[in-house]
Amino acid sequence: IEWSATGGTIDQAGLFTAGQTGGAFVVKGFAAGSEAVAEVRVTTKEEKPDPAPATGDRHLRWRGVIPAQKWMNFYTKVLSKFATSSDLKLEISFEVKVDREQAESKLGETKSALRELGLEDNVTL
């Protein structure tokens, strides 16, 4: 077996010896065209261990950019699991280029659609 490691040394038998610093490190073993990988977490004496987990509810949060073509997939795979929760809060922001000649018309259509959904129509150009 051919061994390699970050954050310390590893001998021919695969015995990992951590270095002087803590952190997350990787140990790899290669043999017969296959590879095995393990993550090693090292804490030094100076580092304090993670505090005990807090009790009570936790909050999931995500912020990112979703291509328009993936919006429905995002709803189906992510949001639908929380759709019945009264605690689900969505903040939506979108922007799109529109032709100068069509801008006022698109603005009116968008405001109207938002009002039909019972949402604020504070769209700007």
C-alpha atoms as a PDB file:
ATOM      1  CA  ILE A   1       0.000   0.000   0.000  1.00  0.00           C
ATOM      2  CA  GLU A   2       1.256   3.478  -0.885  1.00  0.00           C
ATOM      3  CA  TRP A   3       0.284   5.989   1.824  1.00  0.00           C
ATOM      4  CA  SER A   4       0.002   9.786   1.817  1.00  0.00           C
ATOM      5  CA  ALA A   5      -1.245  12.242   4.419  1.00  0.00           C
ATOM      6  CA  THR A   6      -1.666  15.940   5.104  1.00  0.00           C
ATOM      7  CA  GLY A   7      -1.152  17.552   8.502  1.00  0.00           C
ATOM      8  CA  GLY A   8       1.295  14.956   9.751  1.00  0.00           C
ATOM      9  CA  THR A   9       3.321  11.911   8.761  1.00  0.00           C
ATOM     10  CA  ILE A  10       2.338   8.381   7.867  1.00  0.00           C
ATOM     11  CA  ASP A  11       4.606   5.342   7.974  1.00  0.00           C
ATOM     12  CA  GLN A  12       4.785   2.262   5.711  1.00  0.00           C
ATOM     13  CA  ALA A  13       2.269   0.447   7.938  1.00  0.00           C
ATOM     14  CA  GLY A  14      -0.268   3.285   7.633  1.00  0.00           C
ATOM     15  CA  LEU A  15       0.233   4.715  11.134  1.00  0.00           C
ATOM     16  CA  PHE A  16      -0.616   8.447  11.052  1.00  0.00           C
ATOM     17  CA  THR A  17       1.196  10.811  13.423  1.00  0.00           C
ATOM     18  CA  ALA A  18      -0.327  14.278  13.649  1.00  0.00           C
ATOM     19  CA  GLY A  19       1.790  17.415  13.320  1.00  0.00           C
ATOM     20  CA  GLN A  20       1.832  20.387  15.697  1.00  0.00           C
ATOM     21  CA  THR A  21      -1.336  22.106  14.424  1.00  0.00           C
ATOM     22  CA  GLY A  22      -4.939  21.066  14.633  1.00  0.00           C
ATOM     23  CA  GLY A  23      -7.398  20.891  11.777  1.00  0.00           C
ATOM     24  CA  ALA A  24      -8.986  18.547   9.278  1.00  0.00           C
ATOM     25  CA  PHE A  25      -6.504  16.450   7.315  1.00  0.00           C
ATOM     26  CA  VAL A  26      -6.642  13.686   4.720  1.00  0.00           C
ATOM     27  CA  VAL A  27      -5.051  10.235   4.757  1.00  0.00           C
ATOM     28  CA  LYS A  28      -4.976   8.258   1.501  1.00  0.00           C
ATOM     29  CA  GLY A  29      -4.032   4.701   0.702  1.00  0.00           C
ATOM     30  CA  PHE A  30      -3.398   3.489  -2.872  1.00  0.00           C
ATOM     31  CA  ALA A  31      -3.225  -0.194  -3.835  1.00  0.00           C
ATOM     32  CA  ALA A  32      -3.956  -2.259  -6.945  1.00  0.00           C
ATOM     33  CA  GLY A  33      -5.488   0.693  -8.791  1.00  0.00           C
ATOM     34  CA  SER A  34      -7.846   1.572  -5.932  1.00  0.00           C
ATOM     35  CA  GLU A  35      -7.789   4.461  -3.496  1.00  0.00           C
ATOM     36  CA  ALA A  36      -9.154   4.776   0.046  1.00  0.00           C
ATOM     37  CA  VAL A  37      -9.550   8.196   1.667  1.00  0.00           C
ATOM     38  CA  ALA A  38     -10.143   9.075   5.326  1.00  0.00           C
ATOM     39  CA  GLU A  39     -10.556  12.447   7.007  1.00  0.00           C
ATOM     40  CA  VAL A  40      -8.695  12.947  10.276  1.00  0.00           C
ATOM     41  CA  ARG A  41      -9.627  15.743  12.702  1.00  0.00           C
ATOM     42  CA  VAL A  42      -6.900  16.816  15.097  1.00  0.00           C
ATOM     43  CA  THR A  43      -7.402  19.048  18.144  1.00  0.00           C
ATOM     44  CA  THR A  44      -4.415  20.495  20.007  1.00  0.00           C
ATOM     45  CA  LYS A  45      -4.256  20.978  23.782  1.00  0.00           C
ATOM     46  CA  GLU A  46      -4.678  24.737  23.295  1.00  0.00           C
ATOM     47  CA  GLU A  47      -7.865  24.345  21.278  1.00  0.00           C
ATOM     48  CA  LYS A  48     -11.106  24.103  23.163  1.00  0.00           C
ATOM     49  CA  PRO A  49     -13.482  21.379  22.070  1.00  0.00           C
ATOM     50  CA  ASP A  50     -16.746  22.382  20.423  1.00  0.00           C
ATOM     51  CA  PRO A  51     -19.359  23.369  23.007  1.00  0.00           C
ATOM     52  CA  ALA A  52     -22.223  21.013  23.698  1.00  0.00           C
ATOM     53  CA  PRO A  53     -24.974  21.369  21.122  1.00  0.00           C
ATOM     54  CA  ALA A  54     -27.712  23.809  22.067  1.00  0.00           C
ATOM     55  CA  THR A  55     -31.147  22.435  22.744  1.00  0.00           C
ATOM     56  CA  GLY A  56     -34.302  23.618  21.032  1.00  0.00           C
ATOM     57  CA  ASP A  57     -35.148  24.409  17.456  1.00  0.00           C
ATOM     58  CA  ARG A  58     -32.579  25.153  14.779  1.00  0.00           C
ATOM     59  CA  HIS A  59     -33.021  27.127  11.561  1.00  0.00           C
ATOM     60  CA  LEU A  60     -32.057  26.073   8.057  1.00  0.00           C
ATOM     61  CA  ARG A  61     -30.966  28.990   5.872  1.00  0.00           C
ATOM     62  CA  TRP A  62     -29.782  29.175   2.280  1.00  0.00           C
ATOM     63  CA  ARG A  63     -29.014  32.040  -0.053  1.00  0.00           C
ATOM     64  CA  GLY A  64     -27.940  31.603  -3.646  1.00  0.00           C
ATOM     65  CA  VAL A  65     -28.703  32.179  -7.286  1.00  0.00           C
ATOM     66  CA  ILE A  66     -31.073  29.818  -9.097  1.00  0.00           C
ATOM     67  CA  PRO A  67     -31.197  29.800 -12.900  1.00  0.00           C
ATOM     68  CA  ALA A  68     -34.757  30.371 -14.083  1.00  0.00           C
ATOM     69  CA  GLN A  69     -34.799  26.918 -15.686  1.00  0.00           C
ATOM     70  CA  LYS A  70     -34.167  25.281 -12.288  1.00  0.00           C
ATOM     71  CA  TRP A  71     -36.757  27.180 -10.228  1.00  0.00           C
ATOM     72  CA  MET A  72     -39.386  24.424 -10.325  1.00  0.00           C
ATOM     73  CA  ASN A  73     -36.765  21.767  -9.541  1.00  0.00           C
ATOM     74  CA  PHE A  74     -35.646  23.863  -6.575  1.00  0.00           C
ATOM     75  CA  TYR A  75     -39.213  24.013  -5.314  1.00  0.00           C
ATOM     76  CA  THR A  76     -39.783  20.282  -5.837  1.00  0.00           C
ATOM     77  CA  LYS A  77     -36.521  19.029  -4.349  1.00  0.00           C
ATOM     78  CA  VAL A  78     -35.983  21.580  -1.578  1.00  0.00           C
ATOM     79  CA  LEU A  79     -38.943  23.779  -0.650  1.00  0.00           C
ATOM     80  CA  SER A  80     -41.759  21.246  -0.985  1.00  0.00           C
ATOM     81  CA  LYS A  81     -40.464  19.442   2.121  1.00  0.00           C
ATOM     82  CA  PHE A  82     -41.203  22.593   4.136  1.00  0.00           C
ATOM     83  CA  ALA A  83     -44.278  23.886   2.266  1.00  0.00           C
ATOM     84  CA  THR A  84     -46.700  22.994   5.072  1.00  0.00           C
ATOM     85  CA  SER A  85     -44.606  24.678   7.769  1.00  0.00           C
ATOM     86  CA  SER A  86     -46.039  27.962   8.987  1.00  0.00           C
ATOM     87  CA  ASP A  87     -42.435  28.928   9.792  1.00  0.00           C
ATOM     88  CA  LEU A  88     -41.236  28.805   6.170  1.00  0.00           C
ATOM     89  CA  LYS A  89     -40.161  32.286   5.117  1.00  0.00           C
ATOM     90  CA  LEU A  90     -39.160  33.086   1.538  1.00  0.00           C
ATOM     91  CA  GLU A  91     -37.534  36.305   0.387  1.00  0.00           C
ATOM     92  CA  ILE A  92     -37.470  36.582  -3.380  1.00  0.00           C
ATOM     93  CA  SER A  93     -35.508  38.999  -5.505  1.00  0.00           C
ATOM     94  CA  PHE A  94     -35.328  38.937  -9.278  1.00  0.00           C
ATOM     95  CA  GLU A  95     -33.970  41.077 -12.049  1.00  0.00           C
ATOM     96  CA  VAL A  96     -34.218  40.751 -15.805  1.00  0.00           C
ATOM     97  CA  LYS A  97     -33.236  42.905 -18.781  1.00  0.00           C
ATOM     98  CA  VAL A  98     -36.153  44.177 -20.844  1.00  0.00           C
ATOM     99  CA  ASP A  99     -36.155  46.123 -24.100  1.00  0.00           C
ATOM    100  CA  ARG A 100     -36.497  49.849 -23.555  1.00  0.00           C
ATOM    101  CA  GLU A 101     -39.629  49.908 -25.737  1.00  0.00           C
ATOM    102  CA  GLN A 102     -41.294  47.132 -23.704  1.00  0.00           C
ATOM    103  CA  ALA A 103     -40.136  48.230 -20.253  1.00  0.00           C
ATOM    104  CA  GLU A 104     -43.270  50.121 -19.177  1.00  0.00           C
ATOM    105  CA  SER A 105     -45.542  47.354 -20.476  1.00  0.00           C
ATOM    106  CA  LYS A 106     -43.543  44.635 -18.668  1.00  0.00           C
ATOM    107  CA  LEU A 107     -43.576  46.744 -15.508  1.00  0.00           C
ATOM    108  CA  GLY A 108     -47.370  46.997 -15.628  1.00  0.00           C
ATOM    109  CA  GLU A 109     -47.811  43.270 -16.330  1.00  0.00           C
ATOM    110  CA  THR A 110     -45.530  42.342 -13.460  1.00  0.00           C
ATOM    111  CA  LYS A 111     -47.258  44.674 -10.999  1.00  0.00           C
ATOM    112  CA  SER A 112     -50.634  43.290 -12.013  1.00  0.00           C
ATOM    113  CA  ALA A 113     -49.490  39.673 -11.609  1.00  0.00           C
ATOM    114  CA  LEU A 114     -48.053  40.401  -8.164  1.00  0.00           C
ATOM    115  CA  ARG A 115     -51.309  42.051  -7.034  1.00  0.00           C
ATOM    116  CA  GLU A 116     -53.291  39.021  -8.293  1.00  0.00           C
ATOM    117  CA  LEU A 117     -51.125  36.876  -6.016  1.00  0.00           C
ATOM    118  CA  GLY A 118     -51.797  39.192  -3.080  1.00  0.00           C
ATOM    119  CA  LEU A 119     -48.203  40.422  -3.040  1.00  0.00           C
ATOM    120  CA  GLU A 120     -46.717  43.902  -2.919  1.00  0.00           C
ATOM    121  CA  ASP A 121     -46.314  45.402  -6.379  1.00  0.00           C
ATOM    122  CA  ASN A 122     -43.186  47.422  -5.606  1.00  0.00           C
ATOM    123  CA  VAL A 123     -41.401  46.609  -8.886  1.00  0.00           C
ATOM    124  CA  THR A 124     -38.938  49.141 -10.276  1.00  0.00           C
ATOM    125  CA  LEU A 125     -37.179  49.711 -13.568  1.00  0.00           C
END
